[in-house]
Amino acid sequence: MRVRVTLSCTECKNRNYNIMKDKKAHPERMETSKYCRFCRKHTLHKETK
């Protein structure tokens, strides 16, 4: 079952990315380093509800 999840920046708290994730293969919350256009640098992005 694939669901859409939102990633938000840990520094400025803006929600920047919407991605699809397979809940069955990866039940834990996702964390990845992505570019934040508000901070203008690569930051850690975490999955939000």
N, C-alpha and C. Protein backbone atom coordinates (compact mmCIF):
# COMPACT_ATOMS: atom_id res chain seq x y z
N MET A 1 0.84 -1.17 0.00
CA MET A 1 0.00 0.00 0.00
C MET A 1 0.89 1.24 0.00
N ARG A 2 0.80 2.02 -1.06
CA ARG A 2 1.59 3.24 -1.16
C ARG A 2 0.73 4.43 -0.75
N VAL A 3 1.31 5.31 0.06
CA VAL A 3 0.60 6.49 0.55
C VAL A 3 1.44 7.72 0.29
N ARG A 4 0.79 8.86 0.21
CA ARG A 4 1.49 10.13 0.03
C ARG A 4 1.86 10.67 1.40
N VAL A 5 3.13 11.05 1.57
CA VAL A 5 3.59 11.65 2.83
C VAL A 5 4.22 13.01 2.53
N THR A 6 4.25 13.87 3.53
CA THR A 6 4.82 15.20 3.40
C THR A 6 6.10 15.28 4.22
N LEU A 7 7.13 15.89 3.63
CA LEU A 7 8.39 16.09 4.33
C LEU A 7 8.52 17.56 4.71
N SER A 8 8.93 17.81 5.96
CA SER A 8 9.11 19.19 6.40
C SER A 8 10.53 19.40 6.90
N CYS A 9 11.01 20.61 6.71
CA CYS A 9 12.36 20.99 7.12
C CYS A 9 12.44 21.05 8.65
N THR A 10 13.52 20.54 9.21
CA THR A 10 13.67 20.55 10.66
C THR A 10 14.11 21.91 11.19
N GLU A 11 14.66 22.75 10.33
CA GLU A 11 15.14 24.06 10.79
C GLU A 11 14.05 25.14 10.71
N CYS A 12 13.39 25.26 9.56
CA CYS A 12 12.39 26.33 9.41
C CYS A 12 10.96 25.82 9.51
N LYS A 13 10.76 24.50 9.58
CA LYS A 13 9.45 23.85 9.75
C LYS A 13 8.51 23.99 8.57
N ASN A 14 9.00 24.45 7.41
CA ASN A 14 8.16 24.53 6.22
C ASN A 14 8.02 23.16 5.58
N ARG A 15 6.83 22.89 5.05
CA ARG A 15 6.57 21.62 4.37
C ARG A 15 6.91 21.79 2.90
N ASN A 16 7.99 21.13 2.46
CA ASN A 16 8.53 21.36 1.13
C ASN A 16 8.25 20.27 0.12
N TYR A 17 8.19 19.02 0.53
CA TYR A 17 8.11 17.90 -0.41
C TYR A 17 6.93 16.99 -0.11
N ASN A 18 6.28 16.51 -1.18
CA ASN A 18 5.27 15.46 -1.10
C ASN A 18 5.83 14.28 -1.87
N ILE A 19 5.89 13.12 -1.22
CA ILE A 19 6.44 11.93 -1.86
C ILE A 19 5.52 10.74 -1.61
N MET A 20 5.71 9.68 -2.39
CA MET A 20 4.97 8.44 -2.20
C MET A 20 5.87 7.46 -1.46
N LYS A 21 5.27 6.72 -0.49
CA LYS A 21 6.03 5.80 0.32
C LYS A 21 5.26 4.50 0.48
N ASP A 22 5.97 3.39 0.49
CA ASP A 22 5.36 2.09 0.72
C ASP A 22 5.34 1.82 2.22
N LYS A 23 4.16 1.89 2.83
CA LYS A 23 4.03 1.73 4.28
C LYS A 23 4.38 0.33 4.75
N LYS A 24 4.13 -0.68 3.92
CA LYS A 24 4.39 -2.05 4.32
C LYS A 24 5.90 -2.32 4.40
N ALA A 25 6.67 -1.81 3.45
CA ALA A 25 8.12 -2.02 3.44
C ALA A 25 8.85 -1.12 4.43
N HIS A 26 8.33 0.10 4.64
CA HIS A 26 8.98 1.09 5.52
C HIS A 26 7.96 1.70 6.48
N PRO A 27 7.62 1.01 7.57
CA PRO A 27 6.60 1.54 8.48
C PRO A 27 7.08 2.72 9.33
N GLU A 28 8.39 2.88 9.52
CA GLU A 28 8.90 3.97 10.35
C GLU A 28 8.85 5.29 9.59
N ARG A 29 8.97 6.39 10.33
CA ARG A 29 8.96 7.72 9.70
C ARG A 29 10.25 7.96 8.94
N MET A 30 10.11 8.63 7.82
CA MET A 30 11.23 8.84 6.92
C MET A 30 12.01 10.11 7.29
N GLU A 31 13.34 10.04 7.17
CA GLU A 31 14.22 11.20 7.36
C GLU A 31 15.22 11.20 6.23
N THR A 32 15.38 12.34 5.56
CA THR A 32 16.33 12.44 4.47
C THR A 32 16.84 13.86 4.35
N SER A 33 18.02 14.00 3.77
CA SER A 33 18.61 15.32 3.56
C SER A 33 18.18 15.83 2.19
N LYS A 34 17.48 16.95 2.18
CA LYS A 34 16.99 17.54 0.94
C LYS A 34 17.23 19.05 0.96
N TYR A 35 17.10 19.67 -0.21
CA TYR A 35 17.29 21.11 -0.33
C TYR A 35 16.04 21.85 0.12
N CYS A 36 16.22 22.82 0.99
CA CYS A 36 15.12 23.68 1.45
C CYS A 36 15.27 25.05 0.77
N ARG A 37 14.27 25.44 0.00
CA ARG A 37 14.38 26.71 -0.72
C ARG A 37 14.21 27.92 0.18
N PHE A 38 13.66 27.72 1.38
CA PHE A 38 13.50 28.82 2.32
C PHE A 38 14.80 29.07 3.10
N CYS A 39 15.48 27.99 3.48
CA CYS A 39 16.78 28.10 4.17
C CYS A 39 17.92 28.31 3.18
N ARG A 40 17.69 27.94 1.92
CA ARG A 40 18.66 28.01 0.84
C ARG A 40 19.89 27.13 1.09
N LYS A 41 19.65 25.94 1.65
CA LYS A 41 20.71 24.96 1.87
C LYS A 41 20.10 23.58 2.08
N HIS A 42 20.93 22.56 2.08
CA HIS A 42 20.47 21.20 2.34
C HIS A 42 20.29 21.03 3.85
N THR A 43 19.11 20.56 4.23
CA THR A 43 18.79 20.33 5.63
C THR A 43 18.11 18.97 5.79
N LEU A 44 17.98 18.53 7.02
CA LEU A 44 17.28 17.28 7.30
C LEU A 44 15.78 17.52 7.21
N HIS A 45 15.09 16.67 6.45
CA HIS A 45 13.64 16.74 6.31
C HIS A 45 13.04 15.49 6.93
N LYS A 46 11.98 15.66 7.72
CA LYS A 46 11.31 14.55 8.39
C LYS A 46 9.88 14.43 7.90
N GLU A 47 9.37 13.21 7.97
CA GLU A 47 7.99 12.95 7.57
C GLU A 47 7.02 13.53 8.59
N THR A 48 5.97 14.19 8.10
CA THR A 48 4.92 14.74 8.96
C THR A 48 3.60 14.09 8.61
N LYS A 49 2.60 14.33 9.43
CA LYS A 49 1.27 13.78 9.15
C LYS A 49 0.51 14.66 8.18
